[in-house]
C-alpha cells in the first residue's frame, strides 16, 4: 500500500501473510503528520478482511524505529537481536 501526496509517493507499507510488517516507510520531512498511522490502519483493515482469525501483527523493528512503533501501539517482544549483521527488535501489536 502507498500513500500519495499529489502524484508523489510519500509512504509505503508491505504486510506479508496479513500479519507481518516487512516494509514501512514515510518520507522523513512528512513524519508526524499521520501518514504512517493511516497506512497502518488501512493495512490492518485489509488484513482483517483476509485473515478473519487475526489476533496480532508483528514487525522486526530497526533500533531507531522502536519508539515510532510504540506510538503505533506495538510492544517489544524480547530484547534487541542481531542476525547477519542486522539489528532489530521483534514487536507485536495485539488486535
PDB file of N, CA and C in Angstrom:
ATOM      1  N   UNK A   1       0.855  -1.158   0.000  1.00  0.00           N
ATOM      2  CA  UNK A   1       0.000   0.000   0.000  1.00  0.00           C
ATOM      3  C   UNK A   1       0.907   1.228   0.000  1.00  0.00           C
ATOM      4  N   UNK A   2       0.500   2.262  -0.718  1.00  0.00           N
ATOM      5  CA  UNK A   2       1.266   3.503  -0.750  1.00  0.00           C
ATOM      6  C   UNK A   2       0.393   4.671  -0.325  1.00  0.00           C
ATOM      7  N   UNK A   3       1.066   5.716   0.135  1.00  0.00           N
ATOM      8  CA  UNK A   3       0.401   6.988   0.414  1.00  0.00           C
ATOM      9  C   UNK A   3       0.927   7.991  -0.599  1.00  0.00           C
ATOM     10  N   UNK A   4       0.019   8.744  -1.189  1.00  0.00           N
ATOM     11  CA  UNK A   4       0.381   9.732  -2.195  1.00  0.00           C
ATOM     12  C   UNK A   4       0.076  11.138  -1.715  1.00  0.00           C
ATOM     13  N   UNK A   5       0.915  12.074  -2.126  1.00  0.00           N
ATOM     14  CA  UNK A   5       0.649  13.500  -1.976  1.00  0.00           C
ATOM     15  C   UNK A   5       0.809  14.072  -3.370  1.00  0.00           C
ATOM     16  N   UNK A   6      -0.310  14.534  -3.944  1.00  0.00           N
ATOM     17  CA  UNK A   6      -0.337  14.883  -5.353  1.00  0.00           C
ATOM     18  C   UNK A   6      -0.005  13.593  -6.096  1.00  0.00           C
ATOM     19  N   UNK A   7       1.056  13.534  -6.866  1.00  0.00           N
ATOM     20  CA  UNK A   7       1.412  12.287  -7.553  1.00  0.00           C
ATOM     21  C   UNK A   7       2.702  11.688  -6.992  1.00  0.00           C
ATOM     22  N   UNK A   8       3.156  12.187  -5.858  1.00  0.00           N
ATOM     23  CA  UNK A   8       4.388  11.713  -5.229  1.00  0.00           C
ATOM     24  C   UNK A   8       4.094  10.656  -4.163  1.00  0.00           C
ATOM     25  N   UNK A   9       4.860   9.582  -4.169  1.00  0.00           N
ATOM     26  CA  UNK A   9       4.754   8.578  -3.115  1.00  0.00           C
ATOM     27  C   UNK A   9       5.433   9.144  -1.870  1.00  0.00           C
ATOM     28  N   UNK A  10       4.687   9.210  -0.758  1.00  0.00           N
ATOM     29  CA  UNK A  10       5.221   9.759   0.493  1.00  0.00           C
ATOM     30  C   UNK A  10       5.255   8.725   1.611  1.00  0.00           C
ATOM     31  N   UNK A  11       4.734   7.535   1.336  1.00  0.00           N
ATOM     32  CA  UNK A  11       4.766   6.472   2.329  1.00  0.00           C
ATOM     33  C   UNK A  11       4.436   5.145   1.687  1.00  0.00           C
ATOM     34  N   UNK A  12       4.916   4.074   2.343  1.00  0.00           N
ATOM     35  CA  UNK A  12       4.655   2.726   1.830  1.00  0.00           C
ATOM     36  C   UNK A  12       4.644   1.750   3.004  1.00  0.00           C
ATOM     37  N   UNK A  13       3.769   0.766   2.912  1.00  0.00           N
ATOM     38  CA  UNK A  13       3.745  -0.338   3.869  1.00  0.00           C
ATOM     39  C   UNK A  13       3.488  -1.623   3.102  1.00  0.00           C
ATOM     40  N   UNK A  14       4.220  -2.675   3.496  1.00  0.00           N
ATOM     41  CA  UNK A  14       4.028  -4.010   2.939  1.00  0.00           C
ATOM     42  C   UNK A  14       3.791  -4.940   4.121  1.00  0.00           C
ATOM     43  N   UNK A  15       2.684  -5.673   4.087  1.00  0.00           N
ATOM     44  CA  UNK A  15       2.366  -6.630   5.143  1.00  0.00           C
ATOM     45  C   UNK A  15       2.309  -8.009   4.497  1.00  0.00           C
ATOM     46  N   UNK A  16       3.211  -8.888   4.929  1.00  0.00           N
ATOM     47  CA  UNK A  16       3.262 -10.247   4.386  1.00  0.00           C
ATOM     48  C   UNK A  16       2.323 -11.161   5.163  1.00  0.00           C
ATOM     49  N   UNK A  17       1.633 -12.019   4.421  1.00  0.00           N
ATOM     50  CA  UNK A  17       0.743 -13.035   5.004  1.00  0.00           C
ATOM     51  C   UNK A  17      -0.296 -12.426   5.942  1.00  0.00           C
ATOM     52  N   UNK A  18      -0.587 -11.149   5.775  1.00  0.00           N
ATOM     53  CA  UNK A  18      -1.594 -10.422   6.545  1.00  0.00           C
ATOM     54  C   UNK A  18      -1.263 -10.306   8.032  1.00  0.00           C
ATOM     55  N   UNK A  19       0.005 -10.595   8.417  1.00  0.00           N
ATOM     56  CA  UNK A  19       0.320 -10.481   9.847  1.00  0.00           C
ATOM     57  C   UNK A  19       1.759 -10.071  10.161  1.00  0.00           C
ATOM     58  N   UNK A  20       2.543  -9.709   9.145  1.00  0.00           N
ATOM     59  CA  UNK A  20       3.925  -9.302   9.398  1.00  0.00           C
ATOM     60  C   UNK A  20       4.283  -8.086   8.547  1.00  0.00           C
ATOM     61  N   UNK A  21       4.575  -6.973   9.213  1.00  0.00           N
ATOM     62  CA  UNK A  21       5.004  -5.762   8.507  1.00  0.00           C
ATOM     63  C   UNK A  21       6.446  -5.977   8.069  1.00  0.00           C
ATOM     64  N   UNK A  22       6.682  -5.991   6.767  1.00  0.00           N
ATOM     65  CA  UNK A  22       8.033  -6.221   6.270  1.00  0.00           C
ATOM     66  C   UNK A  22       8.686  -4.950   5.727  1.00  0.00           C
ATOM     67  N   UNK A  23       7.883  -3.991   5.321  1.00  0.00           N
ATOM     68  CA  UNK A  23       8.378  -2.701   4.830  1.00  0.00           C
ATOM     69  C   UNK A  23       7.431  -1.624   5.336  1.00  0.00           C
ATOM     70  N   UNK A  24       8.001  -0.531   5.866  1.00  0.00           N
ATOM     71  CA  UNK A  24       7.156   0.568   6.362  1.00  0.00           C
ATOM     72  C   UNK A  24       8.006   1.834   6.395  1.00  0.00           C
ATOM     73  N   UNK A  25       7.741   2.741   5.474  1.00  0.00           N
ATOM     74  CA  UNK A  25       8.490   3.984   5.396  1.00  0.00           C
ATOM     75  C   UNK A  25       7.557   5.160   5.144  1.00  0.00           C
ATOM     76  N   UNK A  26       7.931   6.305   5.701  1.00  0.00           N
ATOM     77  CA  UNK A  26       7.262   7.572   5.422  1.00  0.00           C
ATOM     78  C   UNK A  26       8.356   8.583   5.089  1.00  0.00           C
ATOM     79  N   UNK A  27       8.098   9.421   4.106  1.00  0.00           N
ATOM     80  CA  UNK A  27       9.032  10.484   3.744  1.00  0.00           C
ATOM     81  C   UNK A  27       9.434  11.234   5.008  1.00  0.00           C
ATOM     82  N   UNK A  28      10.724  11.298   5.325  1.00  0.00           N
ATOM     83  CA  UNK A  28      11.167  11.912   6.592  1.00  0.00           C
ATOM     84  C   UNK A  28      10.630  13.324   6.846  1.00  0.00           C
ATOM     85  N   UNK A  29      10.539  14.133   5.821  1.00  0.00           N
ATOM     86  CA  UNK A  29      10.065  15.511   6.022  1.00  0.00           C
ATOM     87  C   UNK A  29       8.578  15.573   6.357  1.00  0.00           C
ATOM     88  N   UNK A  30       7.860  14.464   6.181  1.00  0.00           N
ATOM     89  CA  UNK A  30       6.416  14.431   6.435  1.00  0.00           C
ATOM     90  C   UNK A  30       6.048  13.588   7.653  1.00  0.00           C
ATOM     91  N   UNK A  31       7.047  13.094   8.376  1.00  0.00           N
ATOM     92  CA  UNK A  31       6.759  12.291   9.561  1.00  0.00           C
ATOM     93  C   UNK A  31       6.034  13.129  10.603  1.00  0.00           C
ATOM     94  N   UNK A  32       5.177  12.462  11.373  1.00  0.00           N
ATOM     95  CA  UNK A  32       4.419  13.154  12.416  1.00  0.00           C
ATOM     96  C   UNK A  32       3.119  13.761  11.929  1.00  0.00           C
ATOM     97  N   UNK A  33       2.755  13.499  10.695  1.00  0.00           N
ATOM     98  CA  UNK A  33       1.534  14.067  10.133  1.00  0.00           C
ATOM     99  C   UNK A  33       0.420  13.027   9.970  1.00  0.00           C
ATOM    100  N   UNK A  34       0.630  11.830  10.503  1.00  0.00           N
ATOM    101  CA  UNK A  34      -0.411  10.813  10.453  1.00  0.00           C
ATOM    102  C   UNK A  34      -0.381   9.918   9.232  1.00  0.00           C
ATOM    103  N   UNK A  35       0.603  10.082   8.378  1.00  0.00           N
ATOM    104  CA  UNK A  35       0.682   9.268   7.170  1.00  0.00           C
ATOM    105  C   UNK A  35       0.920   7.805   7.533  1.00  0.00           C
ATOM    106  N   UNK A  36       1.876   7.554   8.416  1.00  0.00           N
ATOM    107  CA  UNK A  36       2.182   6.193   8.832  1.00  0.00           C
ATOM    108  C   UNK A  36       1.013   5.533   9.530  1.00  0.00           C
ATOM    109  N   UNK A  37       0.371   6.267  10.424  1.00  0.00           N
ATOM    110  CA  UNK A  37      -0.794   5.714  11.128  1.00  0.00           C
ATOM    111  C   UNK A  37      -1.899   5.373  10.135  1.00  0.00           C
ATOM    112  N   UNK A  38      -2.113   6.224   9.156  1.00  0.00           N
ATOM    113  CA  UNK A  38      -3.130   5.949   8.136  1.00  0.00           C
ATOM    114  C   UNK A  38      -2.799   4.704   7.321  1.00  0.00           C
ATOM    115  N   UNK A  39      -1.531   4.570   6.938  1.00  0.00           N
ATOM    116  CA  UNK A  39      -1.116   3.373   6.207  1.00  0.00           C
ATOM    117  C   UNK A  39      -1.332   2.122   7.048  1.00  0.00           C
ATOM    118  N   UNK A  40      -0.921   2.181   8.316  1.00  0.00           N
ATOM    119  CA  UNK A  40      -1.082   1.013   9.185  1.00  0.00           C
ATOM    120  C   UNK A  40      -2.556   0.683   9.387  1.00  0.00           C
ATOM    121  N   UNK A  41      -3.369   1.684   9.706  1.00  0.00           N
ATOM    122  CA  UNK A  41      -4.794   1.442   9.939  1.00  0.00           C
ATOM    123  C   UNK A  41      -5.476   0.849   8.703  1.00  0.00           C
ATOM    124  N   UNK A  42      -5.184   1.406   7.534  1.00  0.00           N
ATOM    125  CA  UNK A  42      -5.796   0.884   6.302  1.00  0.00           C
ATOM    126  C   UNK A  42      -5.309  -0.525   5.999  1.00  0.00           C
ATOM    127  N   UNK A  43      -4.024  -0.786   6.267  1.00  0.00           N
ATOM    128  CA  UNK A  43      -3.492  -2.131   6.062  1.00  0.00           C
ATOM    129  C   UNK A  43      -4.157  -3.129   6.996  1.00  0.00           C
ATOM    130  N   UNK A  44      -4.359  -2.729   8.259  1.00  0.00           N
ATOM    131  CA  UNK A  44      -4.998  -3.627   9.223  1.00  0.00           C
ATOM    132  C   UNK A  44      -6.425  -3.964   8.804  1.00  0.00           C
ATOM    133  N   UNK A  45      -7.127  -3.018   8.225  1.00  0.00           N
ATOM    134  CA  UNK A  45      -8.477  -3.279   7.720  1.00  0.00           C
ATOM    135  C   UNK A  45      -8.432  -4.381   6.665  1.00  0.00           C
ATOM    136  N   UNK A  46      -7.499  -4.272   5.736  1.00  0.00           N
ATOM    137  CA  UNK A  46      -7.368  -5.286   4.683  1.00  0.00           C
ATOM    138  C   UNK A  46      -6.939  -6.622   5.278  1.00  0.00           C
ATOM    139  N   UNK A  47      -6.013  -6.588   6.225  1.00  0.00           N
ATOM    140  CA  UNK A  47      -5.548  -7.828   6.860  1.00  0.00           C
ATOM    141  C   UNK A  47      -6.696  -8.554   7.550  1.00  0.00           C
ATOM    142  N   UNK A  48      -7.514  -7.811   8.282  1.00  0.00           N
ATOM    143  CA  UNK A  48      -8.653  -8.426   8.983  1.00  0.00           C
ATOM    144  C   UNK A  48      -9.661  -9.012   8.008  1.00  0.00           C
ATOM    145  N   UNK A  49      -9.849  -8.347   6.866  1.00  0.00           N
ATOM    146  CA  UNK A  49     -10.786  -8.854   5.865  1.00  0.00           C
ATOM    147  C   UNK A  49     -10.301 -10.169   5.257  1.00  0.00           C
ATOM    148  N   UNK A  50      -8.985 -10.341   5.193  1.00  0.00           N
ATOM    149  CA  UNK A  50      -8.405 -11.507   4.545  1.00  0.00           C
ATOM    150  C   UNK A  50      -7.949 -12.598   5.499  1.00  0.00           C
ATOM    151  N   UNK A  51      -7.885 -12.284   6.771  1.00  0.00           N
ATOM    152  CA  UNK A  51      -7.471 -13.269   7.775  1.00  0.00           C
ATOM    153  C   UNK A  51      -8.369 -13.068   8.990  1.00  0.00           C
ATOM    154  N   UNK A  52      -9.516 -13.723   8.966  1.00  0.00           N
ATOM    155  CA  UNK A  52     -10.560 -13.492   9.964  1.00  0.00           C
ATOM    156  C   UNK A  52     -10.114 -13.754  11.392  1.00  0.00           C
ATOM    157  N   UNK A  53      -9.177 -14.673  11.593  1.00  0.00           N
ATOM    158  CA  UNK A  53      -8.741 -15.018  12.951  1.00  0.00           C
ATOM    159  C   UNK A  53      -7.510 -14.214  13.397  1.00  0.00           C
ATOM    160  N   UNK A  54      -7.222 -13.114  12.727  1.00  0.00           N
ATOM    161  CA  UNK A  54      -6.052 -12.297  13.033  1.00  0.00           C
ATOM    162  C   UNK A  54      -6.125 -11.759  14.462  1.00  0.00           C
ATOM    163  N   UNK A  55      -5.118 -12.078  15.247  1.00  0.00           N
ATOM    164  CA  UNK A  55      -5.064 -11.655  16.654  1.00  0.00           C
ATOM    165  C   UNK A  55      -3.947 -10.646  16.902  1.00  0.00           C
ATOM    166  N   UNK A  56      -2.902 -10.682  16.044  1.00  0.00           N
ATOM    167  CA  UNK A  56      -1.782  -9.777  16.229  1.00  0.00           C
ATOM    168  C   UNK A  56      -1.051  -9.599  14.915  1.00  0.00           C
ATOM    169  N   UNK A  57      -0.270  -8.539  14.869  1.00  0.00           N
ATOM    170  CA  UNK A  57       0.592  -8.266  13.726  1.00  0.00           C
ATOM    171  C   UNK A  57       1.954  -7.948  14.307  1.00  0.00           C
ATOM    172  N   UNK A  58       3.019  -8.370  13.608  1.00  0.00           N
ATOM    173  CA  UNK A  58       4.348  -8.124  14.162  1.00  0.00           C
ATOM    174  C   UNK A  58       5.257  -7.434  13.149  1.00  0.00           C
ATOM    175  N   UNK A  59       6.411  -6.990  13.659  1.00  0.00           N
ATOM    176  CA  UNK A  59       7.413  -6.321  12.845  1.00  0.00           C
ATOM    177  C   UNK A  59       8.767  -6.547  13.496  1.00  0.00           C
ATOM    178  N   UNK A  60       9.805  -6.643  12.697  1.00  0.00           N
ATOM    179  CA  UNK A  60      11.172  -6.659  13.204  1.00  0.00           C
ATOM    180  C   UNK A  60      11.703  -5.242  13.020  1.00  0.00           C
ATOM    181  N   UNK A  61      11.649  -4.464  14.086  1.00  0.00           N
ATOM    182  CA  UNK A  61      11.952  -3.042  14.025  1.00  0.00           C
ATOM    183  C   UNK A  61      13.435  -2.751  14.132  1.00  0.00           C
ATOM    184  N   UNK A  62      13.900  -1.832  13.317  1.00  0.00           N
ATOM    185  CA  UNK A  62      15.263  -1.334  13.489  1.00  0.00           C
ATOM    186  C   UNK A  62      15.320  -0.570  14.813  1.00  0.00           C
ATOM    187  N   UNK A  63      16.500  -0.439  15.404  1.00  0.00           N
ATOM    188  CA  UNK A  63      16.599   0.236  16.706  1.00  0.00           C
ATOM    189  C   UNK A  63      16.000   1.645  16.718  1.00  0.00           C
ATOM    190  N   UNK A  64      16.222   2.425  15.667  1.00  0.00           N
ATOM    191  CA  UNK A  64      15.729   3.804  15.675  1.00  0.00           C
ATOM    192  C   UNK A  64      14.210   3.885  15.554  1.00  0.00           C
ATOM    193  N   UNK A  65      13.552   2.840  15.023  1.00  0.00           N
ATOM    194  CA  UNK A  65      12.100   2.885  14.802  1.00  0.00           C
ATOM    195  C   UNK A  65      11.288   2.350  15.975  1.00  0.00           C
ATOM    196  N   UNK A  66      11.942   1.773  16.989  1.00  0.00           N
ATOM    197  CA  UNK A  66      11.209   1.220  18.131  1.00  0.00           C
ATOM    198  C   UNK A  66      10.258   2.249  18.747  1.00  0.00           C
ATOM    199  N   UNK A  67      10.698   3.494  19.016  1.00  0.00           N
ATOM    200  CA  UNK A  67       9.765   4.478  19.602  1.00  0.00           C
ATOM    201  C   UNK A  67       8.563   4.781  18.692  1.00  0.00           C
ATOM    202  N   UNK A  68       8.782   4.750  17.396  1.00  0.00           N
ATOM    203  CA  UNK A  68       7.683   5.002  16.447  1.00  0.00           C
ATOM    204  C   UNK A  68       6.653   3.882  16.544  1.00  0.00           C
ATOM    205  N   UNK A  69       7.126   2.639  16.565  1.00  0.00           N
ATOM    206  CA  UNK A  69       6.203   1.513  16.672  1.00  0.00           C
ATOM    207  C   UNK A  69       5.480   1.518  18.014  1.00  0.00           C
ATOM    208  N   UNK A  70       6.160   1.945  19.085  1.00  0.00           N
ATOM    209  CA  UNK A  70       5.462   2.076  20.374  1.00  0.00           C
ATOM    210  C   UNK A  70       4.290   3.045  20.249  1.00  0.00           C
ATOM    211  N   UNK A  71       4.497   4.171  19.570  1.00  0.00           N
ATOM    212  CA  UNK A  71       3.420   5.159  19.376  1.00  0.00           C
ATOM    213  C   UNK A  71       2.262   4.578  18.568  1.00  0.00           C
ATOM    214  N   UNK A  72       2.566   3.601  17.723  1.00  0.00           N
ATOM    215  CA  UNK A  72       1.539   2.971  16.891  1.00  0.00           C
ATOM    216  C   UNK A  72       0.882   1.776  17.577  1.00  0.00           C
ATOM    217  N   UNK A  73       1.232   1.543  18.847  1.00  0.00           N
ATOM    218  CA  UNK A  73       0.566   0.501  19.613  1.00  0.00           C
ATOM    219  C   UNK A  73       1.283  -0.837  19.665  1.00  0.00           C
ATOM    220  N   UNK A  74       2.490  -0.912  19.134  1.00  0.00           N
ATOM    221  CA  UNK A  74       3.267  -2.140  19.203  1.00  0.00           C
ATOM    222  C   UNK A  74       4.003  -2.198  20.531  1.00  0.00           C
ATOM    223  N   UNK A  75       4.264  -3.400  20.998  1.00  0.00           N
ATOM    224  CA  UNK A  75       5.037  -3.617  22.218  1.00  0.00           C
ATOM    225  C   UNK A  75       6.225  -4.505  21.885  1.00  0.00           C
ATOM    226  N   UNK A  76       7.354  -4.210  22.500  1.00  0.00           N
ATOM    227  CA  UNK A  76       8.553  -5.028  22.292  1.00  0.00           C
ATOM    228  C   UNK A  76       8.279  -6.443  22.792  1.00  0.00           C
ATOM    229  N   UNK A  77       8.729  -7.405  22.028  1.00  0.00           N
ATOM    230  CA  UNK A  77       8.551  -8.815  22.375  1.00  0.00           C
ATOM    231  C   UNK A  77       9.939  -9.453  22.482  1.00  0.00           C
ATOM    232  N   UNK A  78      10.688  -9.035  23.492  1.00  0.00           N
ATOM    233  CA  UNK A  78      12.056  -9.516  23.664  1.00  0.00           C
ATOM    234  C   UNK A  78      13.039  -8.386  23.503  1.00  0.00           C
ATOM    235  N   UNK A  79      14.290  -8.730  23.613  1.00  0.00           N
ATOM    236  CA  UNK A  79      15.340  -7.729  23.526  1.00  0.00           C
ATOM    237  C   UNK A  79      15.866  -7.627  22.098  1.00  0.00           C
ATOM    238  N   UNK A  80      16.692  -6.614  21.877  1.00  0.00           N
ATOM    239  CA  UNK A  80      17.281  -6.420  20.564  1.00  0.00           C
ATOM    240  C   UNK A  80      18.138  -7.622  20.190  1.00  0.00           C
ATOM    241  N   UNK A  81      18.080  -7.997  18.918  1.00  0.00           N
ATOM    242  CA  UNK A  81      18.846  -9.118  18.393  1.00  0.00           C
ATOM    243  C   UNK A  81      19.706  -8.634  17.232  1.00  0.00           C
ATOM    244  N   UNK A  82      20.664  -9.429  16.876  1.00  0.00           N
ATOM    245  CA  UNK A  82      21.439  -9.168  15.663  1.00  0.00           C
ATOM    246  C   UNK A  82      21.564 -10.470  14.896  1.00  0.00           C
ATOM    247  N   UNK A  83      21.118 -10.445  13.650  1.00  0.00           N
ATOM    248  CA  UNK A  83      21.193 -11.622  12.785  1.00  0.00           C
ATOM    249  C   UNK A  83      21.822 -11.171  11.470  1.00  0.00           C
ATOM    250  N   UNK A  84      22.900 -11.817  11.100  1.00  0.00           N
ATOM    251  CA  UNK A  84      23.613 -11.474   9.861  1.00  0.00           C
ATOM    252  C   UNK A  84      23.946  -9.984   9.790  1.00  0.00           C
ATOM    253  N   UNK A  85      24.312  -9.406  10.935  1.00  0.00           N
ATOM    254  CA  UNK A  85      24.702  -8.003  10.986  1.00  0.00           C
ATOM    255  C   UNK A  85      23.553  -7.018  11.030  1.00  0.00           C
ATOM    256  N   UNK A  86      22.322  -7.496  11.075  1.00  0.00           N
ATOM    257  CA  UNK A  86      21.149  -6.615  11.113  1.00  0.00           C
ATOM    258  C   UNK A  86      20.573  -6.624  12.520  1.00  0.00           C
ATOM    259  N   UNK A  87      20.501  -5.439  13.134  1.00  0.00           N
ATOM    260  CA  UNK A  87      19.950  -5.308  14.482  1.00  0.00           C
ATOM    261  C   UNK A  87      18.456  -5.013  14.390  1.00  0.00           C
ATOM    262  N   UNK A  88      17.680  -5.700  15.249  1.00  0.00           N
ATOM    263  CA  UNK A  88      16.230  -5.480  15.264  1.00  0.00           C
ATOM    264  C   UNK A  88      15.640  -5.939  16.574  1.00  0.00           C
ATOM    265  N   UNK A  89      14.450  -5.434  16.849  1.00  0.00           N
ATOM    266  CA  UNK A  89      13.643  -5.884  17.976  1.00  0.00           C
ATOM    267  C   UNK A  89      12.314  -6.345  17.408  1.00  0.00           C
ATOM    268  N   UNK A  90      11.914  -7.564  17.752  1.00  0.00           N
ATOM    269  CA  UNK A  90      10.587  -8.039  17.338  1.00  0.00           C
ATOM    270  C   UNK A  90       9.564  -7.304  18.164  1.00  0.00           C
ATOM    271  N   UNK A  91       8.547  -6.757  17.496  1.00  0.00           N
ATOM    272  CA  UNK A  91       7.487  -6.011  18.164  1.00  0.00           C
ATOM    273  C   UNK A  91       6.146  -6.565  17.703  1.00  0.00           C
ATOM    274  N   UNK A  92       5.165  -6.521  18.603  1.00  0.00           N
ATOM    275  CA  UNK A  92       3.850  -7.095  18.317  1.00  0.00           C
ATOM    276  C   UNK A  92       2.762  -6.093  18.680  1.00  0.00           C
ATOM    277  N   UNK A  93       1.766  -6.004  17.815  1.00  0.00           N
ATOM    278  CA  UNK A  93       0.559  -5.219  18.101  1.00  0.00           C
ATOM    279  C   UNK A  93      -0.589  -6.198  18.211  1.00  0.00           C
ATOM    280  N   UNK A  94      -1.154  -6.309  19.385  1.00  0.00           N
ATOM    281  CA  UNK A  94      -2.301  -7.194  19.615  1.00  0.00           C
ATOM    282  C   UNK A  94      -3.555  -6.471  19.112  1.00  0.00           C
ATOM    283  N   UNK A  95      -4.424  -7.231  18.448  1.00  0.00           N
ATOM    284  CA  UNK A  95      -5.626  -6.623  17.849  1.00  0.00           C
ATOM    285  C   UNK A  95      -6.879  -7.034  18.564  1.00  0.00           C
TER     286      UNK A  95
END
